[in-house]
Protein backbone atom coordinates (compact mmCIF):
# COMPACT_ATOMS: atom_id res chain seq x y z
CA MET A 1 -11.59 42.28 43.14
CA SER A 2 -10.34 42.22 39.54
CA ARG A 3 -7.32 40.22 38.36
CA ASN A 4 -5.20 43.35 37.98
CA ASP A 5 -6.16 44.57 41.45
CA ALA A 6 -5.20 41.23 42.88
CA ILE A 7 -1.86 41.35 41.11
CA ILE A 8 -1.13 44.88 42.29
CA ASP A 9 -2.15 44.14 45.88
CA GLY A 10 0.08 41.11 45.86
CA GLN A 11 3.15 43.22 45.17
CA LYS A 12 2.96 45.41 48.29
CA GLU A 13 5.50 44.23 50.81
CA PRO A 14 4.85 44.36 54.59
CA LEU A 15 6.21 47.49 56.24
CA ASP A 16 7.19 48.79 52.81
CA ILE A 17 10.31 46.63 52.77
CA SER A 18 11.19 43.80 50.41
CA THR A 19 14.24 41.59 50.61
CA ASP A 20 16.50 40.00 48.10
CA PRO A 21 15.66 36.26 48.17
CA ASN A 22 19.34 35.39 48.03
CA SER A 23 21.00 37.87 50.38
CA GLY A 24 18.14 38.94 52.63
CA ALA A 25 19.13 42.58 52.02
CA PRO A 26 16.53 45.25 51.20
CA ALA A 27 15.60 44.93 47.55
CA ALA A 28 17.34 47.18 45.08
CA GLY A 29 15.36 50.21 44.08
CA LEU A 30 13.82 50.86 47.50
CA SER A 31 14.86 54.04 49.17
CA SER A 32 15.64 54.43 52.85
CA SER A 33 12.44 54.16 54.86
CA SER A 34 11.33 53.96 58.47
CA VAL A 35 9.60 50.87 59.83
CA HIS A 36 6.51 51.54 61.96
CA VAL A 37 5.61 48.80 64.41
CA GLY A 38 3.03 49.45 67.07
CA GLY A 39 3.23 53.17 66.41
CA VAL A 40 6.98 53.23 67.01
CA SER A 41 9.28 54.29 64.21
CA SER A 42 12.67 52.62 63.97
CA LYS A 43 15.78 53.98 62.31
CA PRO A 44 15.67 54.32 58.54
CA VAL A 45 16.71 51.25 56.62
CA ALA A 46 19.64 52.07 54.35
CA GLU A 47 19.19 51.41 50.67
CA ARG A 48 21.39 48.63 49.37
CA VAL A 49 21.76 48.68 45.61
CA PRO A 50 24.10 46.09 44.09
CA ALA A 51 27.19 47.72 42.62
CA PHE A 52 27.87 47.71 38.88
CA GLY A 53 28.90 44.17 38.02
CA LEU A 54 28.09 41.03 36.04
CA THR A 55 24.36 41.78 35.92
CA ASP A 56 25.04 45.13 34.26
CA LEU A 57 27.55 43.64 31.82
CA LEU A 58 24.99 41.02 30.76
CA MET A 59 22.37 43.74 30.33
CA LEU A 60 24.81 45.66 28.11
CA LEU A 61 25.28 42.51 26.04
CA THR A 62 21.49 42.09 25.87
CA THR A 63 21.03 45.61 24.56
CA MET A 64 23.65 44.84 21.90
CA VAL A 65 21.72 41.72 20.90
CA TRP A 66 18.41 43.61 20.84
CA GLY A 67 19.96 46.53 18.96
CA ALA A 68 21.35 44.25 16.26
CA ASN A 69 18.04 42.40 16.20
CA VAL A 70 16.36 45.44 14.62
CA SER A 71 18.58 45.13 11.54
CA VAL A 72 18.18 41.36 11.51
CA ILE A 73 14.39 41.64 11.50
CA LYS A 74 14.50 44.35 8.85
CA VAL A 75 16.46 42.08 6.50
CA SER A 76 14.26 39.08 7.31
CA PHE A 77 11.08 40.99 6.41
CA ALA A 78 12.21 40.74 2.79
CA ALA A 79 11.44 37.02 2.93
CA LEU A 80 8.45 36.92 5.30
CA SER A 81 5.65 39.30 6.27
CA PRO A 82 5.99 40.93 9.72
CA HIS A 83 3.50 38.78 11.65
CA ALA A 84 4.59 35.59 9.85
CA PHE A 85 8.23 36.16 10.78
CA ASN A 86 7.27 37.22 14.29
CA LEU A 87 5.20 34.11 14.96
CA ALA A 88 7.88 31.86 13.43
CA ARG A 89 10.58 33.21 15.74
CA PHE A 90 8.31 32.93 18.78
CA LEU A 91 7.41 29.33 17.95
CA PHE A 92 11.14 28.60 17.65
CA SER A 93 11.93 30.31 20.97
CA ALA A 94 9.02 28.49 22.65
CA LEU A 95 10.56 25.15 21.65
CA ILE A 96 13.92 26.22 23.09
CA TYR A 97 12.31 27.33 26.36
CA ALA A 98 10.32 24.09 26.63
CA PHE A 99 13.52 22.06 26.21
CA ILE A 100 15.42 24.19 28.77
CA ILE A 101 12.67 23.93 31.39
CA TRP A 102 12.36 20.17 30.81
CA ARG A 103 16.12 19.65 31.12
CA SER A 104 16.40 21.83 34.23
CA GLY A 105 14.02 19.58 36.14
CA GLU A 106 11.99 22.57 37.39
CA GLY A 107 8.90 21.41 35.57
CA PHE A 108 6.10 23.51 34.09
CA ALA A 109 3.86 23.50 37.17
CA VAL A 110 2.81 26.83 38.69
CA SER A 111 0.80 27.34 41.86
CA ARG A 112 -2.82 28.53 41.57
CA LYS A 113 -1.85 31.78 43.26
CA ASP A 114 0.96 32.53 40.80
CA LEU A 115 -0.77 31.32 37.62
CA PRO A 116 -2.89 34.50 37.08
CA ARG A 117 0.27 36.59 37.49
CA VAL A 118 2.23 34.51 34.98
CA VAL A 119 -0.65 34.75 32.49
CA PHE A 120 -0.80 38.51 33.07
CA LEU A 121 2.92 38.81 32.31
CA ALA A 122 2.54 36.66 29.18
CA LEU A 123 -0.34 38.78 27.89
CA THR A 124 1.32 42.14 28.55
CA GLY A 125 4.99 41.42 27.76
CA ILE A 126 4.53 39.01 24.88
CA THR A 127 1.07 38.99 23.28
CA PHE A 128 -0.15 42.57 23.57
CA TYR A 129 3.33 44.03 23.27
CA GLN A 130 3.94 42.19 20.00
CA VAL A 131 0.49 43.05 18.58
CA PHE A 132 0.87 46.75 19.37
CA PHE A 133 4.53 46.95 18.33
CA ILE A 134 4.29 45.09 15.01
CA THR A 135 1.05 46.87 14.02
CA GLY A 136 2.43 50.26 15.05
CA LEU A 137 5.67 49.63 13.18
CA SER A 138 3.70 48.88 10.00
CA ARG A 139 1.87 52.21 10.25
CA THR A 140 4.67 54.62 11.08
CA SER A 141 8.35 55.33 10.51
CA ALA A 142 11.23 53.78 12.40
CA SER A 143 12.16 57.20 13.83
CA LEU A 144 8.78 57.67 15.46
CA VAL A 145 8.86 54.11 16.74
CA SER A 146 12.17 54.91 18.45
CA MET A 147 10.75 58.08 19.99
CA GLY A 148 7.78 56.12 21.30
CA ASN A 149 10.04 53.47 22.80
CA ALA A 150 11.98 56.18 24.62
CA MET A 151 8.99 56.54 26.94
CA THR A 152 9.31 52.96 28.25
CA PRO A 153 11.81 53.72 31.08
CA ILE A 154 9.58 56.62 32.13
CA PHE A 155 6.55 54.32 32.25
CA ILE A 156 8.51 51.83 34.34
CA ALA A 157 9.84 54.40 36.81
CA VAL A 158 6.52 56.24 37.22
CA LEU A 159 4.47 53.06 37.62
CA SER A 160 7.01 51.56 40.04
CA THR A 161 6.87 54.69 42.17
CA ALA A 162 3.08 55.06 41.94
CA LEU A 163 2.52 51.46 43.06
CA GLY A 164 5.03 51.77 45.89
CA LEU A 165 7.21 48.99 44.51
CA GLU A 166 10.40 51.03 44.09
CA ARG A 167 11.69 54.48 44.92
CA LEU A 168 14.40 56.24 42.99
CA ARG A 169 16.65 58.93 44.37
CA TRP A 170 16.91 62.21 42.49
CA THR A 171 20.05 60.91 40.81
CA GLY A 172 18.00 58.04 39.38
CA TRP A 173 15.40 60.41 37.93
CA LEU A 174 18.17 62.61 36.54
CA GLY A 175 19.71 59.56 34.87
CA ILE A 176 16.39 58.63 33.27
CA VAL A 177 15.92 62.17 31.95
CA LEU A 178 19.45 62.23 30.53
CA SER A 179 19.03 58.86 28.83
CA VAL A 180 15.74 59.94 27.24
CA ILE A 181 17.33 63.21 26.04
CA GLY A 182 20.18 61.20 24.53
CA PHE A 183 17.70 58.81 22.96
CA TYR A 184 15.86 61.67 21.27
CA GLY A 185 19.19 63.08 20.12
CA ILE A 186 19.93 59.82 18.31
CA VAL A 187 16.56 59.96 16.57
CA LEU A 188 16.74 63.66 15.70
CA GLY A 189 20.34 63.28 14.56
CA ARG A 190 19.47 60.85 11.79
CA PRO A 191 20.47 62.28 8.39
CA ASN A 192 17.00 61.69 6.93
CA GLY A 193 15.13 63.11 9.93
CA PHE A 194 11.44 62.26 10.36
CA ASN A 195 8.00 63.52 9.34
CA LEU A 196 4.77 63.15 11.31
CA LYS A 197 1.76 62.47 9.07
CA GLY A 198 -1.88 62.06 10.03
CA ALA A 199 -1.86 58.38 9.12
CA GLU A 200 1.05 57.79 11.51
CA VAL A 201 -0.69 59.09 14.63
CA SER A 202 -2.39 55.75 15.32
CA GLY A 203 0.95 54.01 14.83
CA VAL A 204 2.64 56.23 17.41
CA PHE A 205 -0.21 55.59 19.85
CA LEU A 206 0.20 51.81 19.40
CA ILE A 207 3.95 52.08 20.01
CA LEU A 208 3.28 53.97 23.25
CA LEU A 209 0.84 51.22 24.25
CA ALA A 210 3.55 48.67 23.52
CA GLY A 211 5.92 50.57 25.83
CA LEU A 212 3.26 50.59 28.54
CA MET A 213 2.82 46.82 28.16
CA TRP A 214 6.57 46.33 28.58
CA ALA A 215 6.49 48.50 31.71
CA PHE A 216 3.80 46.28 33.27
CA TYR A 217 5.78 43.23 32.20
CA THR A 218 8.91 44.51 33.91
CA ILE A 219 7.28 45.80 37.09
CA PHE A 220 5.07 42.82 37.93
CA ALA A 221 7.77 40.27 37.16
CA ARG A 222 9.84 40.95 40.26
CA PRO A 223 7.44 39.59 42.93
CA VAL A 224 6.88 36.42 40.87
CA LEU A 225 10.64 35.95 40.62
CA LYS A 226 10.72 35.30 44.36
CA LYS A 227 9.01 31.97 43.67
CA ILE A 228 9.93 31.14 40.07
CA SER A 229 13.43 31.23 38.56
CA PRO A 230 14.14 33.85 35.86
CA THR A 231 14.67 31.16 33.21
CA LYS A 232 11.43 29.35 33.99
CA LEU A 233 9.40 32.57 34.18
CA ALA A 234 10.83 33.82 30.88
CA GLY A 235 10.01 30.45 29.32
CA LEU A 236 6.46 30.22 30.65
CA THR A 237 5.54 33.76 29.65
CA ASN A 238 7.04 33.20 26.19
CA ILE A 239 5.17 29.93 25.63
CA ILE A 240 1.83 31.20 26.99
CA GLY A 241 2.21 34.55 25.22
CA THR A 242 2.91 32.78 21.92
CA VAL A 243 -0.30 30.74 22.27
CA PHE A 244 -2.33 33.92 22.78
CA TYR A 245 -0.51 35.56 19.86
CA LEU A 246 -1.58 32.84 17.41
CA PRO A 247 -4.99 34.37 16.49
CA PHE A 248 -3.33 37.69 15.60
CA ALA A 249 -0.61 36.22 13.36
CA TRP A 250 -1.96 32.92 12.06
CA LYS A 251 -3.46 34.38 8.87
CA GLU A 252 -0.12 35.77 7.63
CA PHE A 253 1.78 32.76 8.96
CA SER A 254 -0.45 30.24 7.13
CA ARG A 255 -0.01 32.11 3.83
CA ALA A 256 3.78 32.41 4.09
CA ASP A 257 5.90 30.44 1.63
CA PHE A 258 8.77 29.18 3.79
CA SER A 259 10.30 27.32 0.83
CA ARG A 260 11.37 30.68 -0.60
CA VAL A 261 13.10 31.88 2.56
CA THR A 262 16.82 32.37 1.93
CA LEU A 263 19.64 31.12 4.15
CA GLY A 264 20.00 34.66 5.50
CA GLY A 265 16.32 34.67 6.41
CA TRP A 266 16.63 31.40 8.33
CA LEU A 267 19.76 32.63 10.11
CA GLY A 268 17.90 35.80 11.05
CA LEU A 269 15.04 33.77 12.46
CA ILE A 270 17.45 31.63 14.48
CA TYR A 271 19.32 34.69 15.79
CA SER A 272 16.15 36.54 16.71
CA GLY A 273 14.43 33.50 18.20
CA SER A 274 17.36 32.28 20.30
CA LEU A 275 19.43 35.31 21.30
CA ALA A 276 16.85 38.10 21.33
CA LEU A 277 13.93 36.11 22.74
CA VAL A 278 15.68 33.53 24.93
CA PHE A 279 19.04 34.91 26.06
CA GLY A 280 17.81 38.51 26.24
CA PHE A 281 14.63 37.76 28.16
CA VAL A 282 16.37 35.54 30.71
CA VAL A 283 19.00 38.21 31.39
CA TRP A 284 16.27 40.87 31.64
CA TYR A 285 14.43 38.85 34.29
CA LYS A 286 17.64 38.20 36.22
CA SER A 287 18.37 41.93 36.21
CA VAL A 288 14.84 42.79 37.40
CA GLU A 289 15.25 40.26 40.19
CA ARG A 290 18.59 41.72 41.29
CA VAL A 291 18.47 45.49 40.73
CA GLY A 292 14.77 46.24 40.20
CA GLY A 293 12.55 47.24 37.31
CA ALA A 294 13.38 50.95 37.10
CA ARG A 295 17.14 50.43 37.03
CA THR A 296 16.77 47.60 34.54
CA GLY A 297 14.37 49.58 32.36
CA VAL A 298 16.86 52.38 31.78
CA TYR A 299 19.03 49.96 29.81
CA SER A 300 16.38 49.85 27.09
CA ASN A 301 17.64 53.28 26.02
CA LEU A 302 20.95 51.69 25.05
CA THR A 303 19.28 49.43 22.49
CA PRO A 304 19.01 52.17 19.81
CA VAL A 305 22.68 53.03 20.32
CA PHE A 306 23.72 49.54 19.28
CA GLY A 307 20.91 49.47 16.74
CA VAL A 308 22.36 52.50 14.97
CA LEU A 309 25.90 51.10 15.09
CA THR A 310 24.71 47.78 13.64
CA ALA A 311 22.83 49.54 10.86
CA VAL A 312 25.92 51.63 10.04
CA ILE A 313 28.23 48.61 9.91
CA PHE A 314 26.02 46.06 8.16
CA LEU A 315 23.36 48.08 6.32
CA GLY A 316 25.45 51.06 5.27
CA ASP A 317 23.44 53.65 7.21
CA HIS A 318 25.10 56.95 8.08
CA ILE A 319 25.70 58.31 11.59
CA SER A 320 26.05 61.95 12.66
CA TRP A 321 28.13 63.59 15.37
CA LEU A 322 24.89 64.45 17.18
CA GLN A 323 24.13 60.74 17.42
CA VAL A 324 27.61 60.00 18.79
CA LEU A 325 27.24 62.72 21.42
CA SER A 326 23.74 61.50 22.27
CA ALA A 327 25.05 57.98 22.78
CA LEU A 328 27.54 59.31 25.35
CA VAL A 329 24.70 61.14 27.11
CA ILE A 330 22.73 57.87 27.29
CA PHE A 331 25.68 56.04 28.86
CA LEU A 332 25.97 58.86 31.42
CA GLY A 333 22.25 58.57 32.13
CA VAL A 334 22.49 54.82 32.68
CA TYR A 335 25.40 55.32 35.09
CA MET A 336 23.53 58.00 37.05
CA THR A 337 20.48 55.78 37.39
CA ARG A 338 22.47 52.77 38.55
CA ASN A 339 25.35 54.27 40.54
CA GLY A 340 24.78 58.02 40.78
CA HIS A 341 23.78 57.85 44.44
CA HIS A 342 27.11 56.17 45.29
CA LEU A 343 29.01 59.01 43.60
CA PHE A 344 27.29 61.71 45.66
CA ARG A 345 27.51 59.61 48.80
CA LYS A 346 31.30 59.43 48.37
CA LYS A 347 31.50 63.21 47.93
CA ALA A 348 29.44 63.73 51.07
CA ARG A 349 31.75 61.44 53.04
CA GLU A 350 34.83 63.28 51.77
CA GLN A 351 33.35 66.61 52.85
CA ASN A 352 32.54 65.22 56.30
CA LEU A 353 36.10 63.97 56.70
CA LYS A 354 37.39 67.48 55.93
């Protein structure tokens, strides 16, 4: 059995039911299902999805941080090459994670059974994602990168469903479709538009691969989170992923002249390394643990909304009415994915009472 097969097999819960490690309730994202024991089918288990609350507010804040991070990185590239800046911020975040894990008392130890899974998450979510994303970004336009990233929630939802890890109601799928439509509206609504050239095809393909890597990272994190805290798992994957990323970025990093980096460049590195890579990743893991990968993944479509707003405010970019309308569609899509089933359930109850 290959490593990936072992990882996938390890995610399948007995009787197709998983429980929240804290509450003991069926895990978010699983639909109502019947339990078959000895050939006897019991009553369907009702889906229990946590209501909109602190987890969602923190995810909204994370998308703001990640959205602004695009502009921060863009400005910082004026002082450092892409891979040099990328490795510098990951080395900085790795130091922060190492300090946090050491201070928490959890330690860095991981069981033999969980180690291959942690390494798999580090390779997909950190190393390969960064290699594909940075290389793809250097070969194509920002607009096409955004369109490629719009596929990430679809990858997450489809893979989660295909592997039997989560099941979304039709309202969840509708929400994903709406958010992707809104995402494309933001891209198409840019004043400068976009052009697809032959040289950019490989870049788009790499961006799609990056989205696929993030989908694997999100999906396979949840079972590991039953044994490892979100902060520790985010730290371990970041540290291990940074080590594997070294061969891809060391050449540019070793040639970089850090003495010429401006104060703004250093502040950008600190912002990106601490908030985007530490705060954002920890919140992402906590959300995956609580509400599931598919419902967490849909929030990635909010990142360009805040990215556009940040660029308008700080970089002087222009925004169109189509982009404003598309942003509202994305918010509607996120709501439908997270809480749409509650809305229709309430309507059904009201009709029954009548």
